[in-house]
Structures are given as structure tokens and as C-alpha cells.
Amino acid sequence: MLSAILSTVLLLFYGGINVEISGNLFFSSQYLLSDTRNINTKQDAERLISDILDKYNNAGFPFCRISPEIIRNDDASSRMILTIEEGKRVVIEDLLINTKARPNVSAAKHIADFRPGEYFSLKALMSAKKKLMKTNALENIGDNIVERDGKYYLLL
């Protein structure tokens, strides 16, 4: 177990800040940092965190959290520690549509290109919402995940 934890920690130097990632089990640190260029500003750090969250959200981890910590050293160097809490990998069992009217759920699933039993993907969710909004059949589309009896549903 200790070797697994140690293998997930990677210290890389990007621009002016050392970046350390820990807590990641599903993705390697190298993969999570693969698109990173330089971390010189707060915006660069925020972009890195957002990119990592996108990778997790599109791989079935909607509850992933990242806790950043910046440590400034006496020699003017800095390091950023990103502690990742992946959360549970979620399979969406079905769509639930929240509306006052009686919706045609099978038509909505077809339009949204929904397939039950797939891992949650934020990218797929945003695409589905866009397709459903074009129909003007629904006034407002949410994007909540509901857990019932240990199964997860997407509430639109």
C-alpha cells in the first residue's frame, strides 16, 4: 500500500513553481500534468486544477475534489501541493426529468444520446443538455446527480 501511495506522488518543476500531486490512484501524475506548460501565476495554477478536474469529471468521478496548498520557501522558490480526493466512480443508471408536464422520457433519452450504465461524463452531460435545450421542450435543465438505493441517476 505504501508503495502505491509513493508512486502516485510526483514532483515536477514548471516555470516558477514545483507541482506535487498526491492522492491520485485512477490517473498517473504524469498524465494529469501532461498538458501543463508553466505555472507562474495564480491563473496558471487555477487552469491546471480545472484541467485535472475535467479529466476526472469526464472519467466518471463527479465528486472529485482538489485541495491546493502553496508553500513558499526562504530561497524565493515555491511549490504547490495538489491533494486529490477522487471520490466514487459513478455509473449513471438512468435519467430523471424534473418537469411539471408529462415528458416523453424515451424521446428525451434519444435526443440526449443517453445510454444507461455508462460512467458519468461532464462532457457528455453538457452535450446532452445542449441537444435538449434546442428542442424547447424543457424550460430549464439541471444537472444534479441523485443517489437512490446505491444507484446514481442524472436529474435533468
Protein backbone atom coordinates (compact mmCIF):
# COMPACT_ATOMS: atom_id res chain seq x y z
CA MET A 1 0.00 0.00 0.00
CA LEU A 2 2.78 2.44 0.86
CA SER A 3 4.47 1.85 -2.49
CA ALA A 4 1.17 2.63 -4.25
CA ILE A 5 0.91 5.91 -2.38
CA LEU A 6 4.52 6.83 -3.06
CA SER A 7 4.17 6.02 -6.75
CA THR A 8 1.29 8.47 -7.07
CA VAL A 9 3.35 11.40 -5.79
CA LEU A 10 5.23 13.29 -8.45
CA LEU A 11 7.25 16.43 -8.05
CA LEU A 12 7.70 18.39 -11.24
CA PHE A 13 9.14 21.79 -11.88
CA TYR A 14 7.07 24.01 -14.15
CA GLY A 15 8.25 27.58 -14.56
CA GLY A 16 8.49 29.13 -11.13
CA ILE A 17 6.54 26.60 -9.08
CA ASN A 18 7.18 22.96 -8.19
CA VAL A 19 3.97 20.95 -8.55
CA GLU A 20 3.34 17.90 -6.38
CA ILE A 21 0.28 15.70 -6.80
CA SER A 22 -0.88 13.15 -4.25
CA GLY A 23 -3.97 11.07 -3.66
CA ASN A 24 -4.45 10.17 -7.30
CA LEU A 25 -4.98 6.48 -7.92
CA PHE A 26 -7.01 6.33 -11.14
CA PHE A 27 -4.75 8.60 -13.24
CA SER A 28 -0.96 8.82 -13.10
CA SER A 29 0.59 12.12 -12.08
CA GLN A 30 2.38 12.23 -15.43
CA TYR A 31 -0.95 12.07 -17.26
CA LEU A 32 -2.55 14.71 -15.04
CA LEU A 33 0.34 17.08 -15.70
CA SER A 34 0.85 16.17 -19.36
CA ASP A 35 -0.81 19.30 -20.77
CA THR A 36 0.89 21.67 -18.33
CA ARG A 37 3.37 24.22 -19.57
CA ASN A 38 4.48 26.74 -16.94
CA ILE A 39 2.97 27.62 -13.59
CA ASN A 40 3.96 31.21 -12.95
CA THR A 41 0.70 32.88 -11.92
CA LYS A 42 -2.41 32.19 -9.90
CA GLN A 43 -4.35 31.87 -13.18
CA ASP A 44 -1.92 29.17 -14.38
CA ALA A 45 -2.48 27.22 -11.16
CA GLU A 46 -6.26 27.60 -11.44
CA ARG A 47 -6.15 26.43 -15.06
CA LEU A 48 -4.12 23.35 -14.05
CA ILE A 49 -6.61 22.48 -11.30
CA SER A 50 -9.54 22.99 -13.69
CA ASP A 51 -7.88 20.76 -16.32
CA ILE A 52 -7.33 18.00 -13.76
CA LEU A 53 -10.94 18.24 -12.56
CA ASP A 54 -12.13 18.00 -16.18
CA LYS A 55 -10.13 14.80 -16.66
CA TYR A 56 -11.71 13.26 -13.57
CA ASN A 57 -15.23 14.53 -14.35
CA ASN A 58 -15.07 13.02 -17.83
CA ALA A 59 -13.87 9.66 -16.48
CA GLY A 60 -16.76 9.08 -14.08
CA PHE A 61 -15.65 11.00 -10.98
CA PRO A 62 -18.19 13.82 -10.49
CA PHE A 63 -17.33 14.19 -6.80
CA CYS A 64 -13.59 14.68 -7.25
CA ARG A 65 -12.07 17.45 -5.13
CA ILE A 66 -8.66 19.03 -5.24
CA SER A 67 -7.17 20.84 -2.27
CA PRO A 68 -4.28 23.09 -3.29
CA GLU A 69 -1.60 24.25 -0.90
CA ILE A 70 1.14 26.71 -1.79
CA ILE A 71 4.37 26.57 0.18
CA ARG A 72 6.85 29.41 -0.22
CA ASN A 73 10.45 28.67 0.65
CA ASP A 74 13.06 31.08 2.01
CA ASP A 75 15.00 30.92 -1.27
CA ALA A 76 12.03 32.52 -3.12
CA SER A 77 11.03 29.21 -4.69
CA SER A 78 7.51 27.88 -4.28
CA ARG A 79 5.78 24.59 -4.52
CA MET A 80 2.15 23.74 -4.95
CA ILE A 81 0.78 20.54 -3.47
CA LEU A 82 -2.44 19.31 -5.05
CA THR A 83 -4.15 16.74 -2.87
CA ILE A 84 -6.74 14.87 -4.89
CA GLU A 85 -9.78 13.18 -3.38
CA GLU A 86 -11.10 11.21 -6.33
CA GLY A 87 -14.43 10.25 -4.79
CA LYS A 88 -16.52 7.40 -6.09
CA ARG A 89 -16.54 6.48 -9.78
CA VAL A 90 -20.19 6.85 -10.73
CA VAL A 91 -22.24 4.86 -13.22
CA ILE A 92 -25.41 6.67 -14.29
CA GLU A 93 -28.29 4.18 -14.27
CA ASP A 94 -30.96 6.37 -15.79
CA LEU A 95 -32.24 9.88 -16.48
CA LEU A 96 -34.85 11.54 -14.30
CA ILE A 97 -36.59 14.54 -15.83
CA ASN A 98 -37.91 17.20 -13.50
CA THR A 99 -40.83 18.97 -15.15
CA LYS A 100 -44.47 19.82 -14.44
CA ALA A 101 -45.56 18.49 -17.81
CA ARG A 102 -45.51 14.80 -18.63
CA PRO A 103 -42.35 14.44 -20.70
CA ASN A 104 -41.65 11.74 -23.23
CA VAL A 105 -38.66 10.29 -21.39
CA SER A 106 -37.67 7.86 -24.13
CA ALA A 107 -37.63 10.70 -26.70
CA ALA A 108 -35.53 12.84 -24.35
CA LYS A 109 -33.07 9.97 -23.85
CA HIS A 110 -32.84 9.51 -27.61
CA ILE A 111 -32.24 13.21 -28.25
CA ALA A 112 -29.68 13.38 -25.44
CA ASP A 113 -28.00 10.23 -26.77
CA PHE A 114 -28.21 8.77 -23.26
CA ARG A 115 -27.05 5.21 -22.61
CA PRO A 116 -27.80 3.78 -19.16
CA GLY A 117 -24.97 2.07 -17.33
CA GLU A 118 -22.19 4.36 -18.57
CA TYR A 119 -19.77 6.24 -16.36
CA PHE A 120 -20.61 9.85 -15.64
CA SER A 121 -19.04 12.29 -18.08
CA LEU A 122 -19.33 16.04 -17.73
CA LYS A 123 -18.57 16.45 -21.43
CA ALA A 124 -21.42 14.09 -22.36
CA LEU A 125 -23.75 15.82 -19.89
CA MET A 126 -23.07 19.25 -21.38
CA SER A 127 -23.65 17.88 -24.88
CA ALA A 128 -26.93 16.27 -23.80
CA LYS A 129 -28.14 19.48 -22.16
CA LYS A 130 -27.33 21.46 -25.30
CA LYS A 131 -29.26 19.00 -27.50
CA LEU A 132 -32.27 19.01 -25.17
CA MET A 133 -32.34 22.81 -24.92
CA LYS A 134 -32.54 23.06 -28.72
CA THR A 135 -35.89 21.22 -28.63
CA ASN A 136 -37.52 23.92 -26.46
CA ALA A 137 -39.44 21.09 -24.79
CA LEU A 138 -37.92 21.85 -21.39
CA GLU A 139 -37.73 25.31 -19.86
CA ASN A 140 -34.80 24.62 -17.58
CA ILE A 141 -32.39 21.72 -17.48
CA GLY A 142 -30.46 20.95 -14.32
CA ASP A 143 -27.52 18.66 -13.89
CA ASN A 144 -27.81 17.07 -10.49
CA ILE A 145 -26.76 13.57 -9.61
CA VAL A 146 -29.20 11.75 -7.36
CA GLU A 147 -28.41 8.60 -5.39
CA ARG A 148 -31.21 6.16 -4.66
CA ASP A 149 -30.65 2.72 -3.19
CA GLY A 150 -26.95 2.84 -4.04
CA LYS A 151 -27.58 3.70 -7.70
CA TYR A 152 -26.95 7.04 -9.36
CA TYR A 153 -29.34 8.92 -11.63
CA LEU A 154 -28.97 12.11 -13.59
CA LEU A 155 -31.70 14.62 -12.73
CA LEU A 156 -32.38 16.98 -15.62
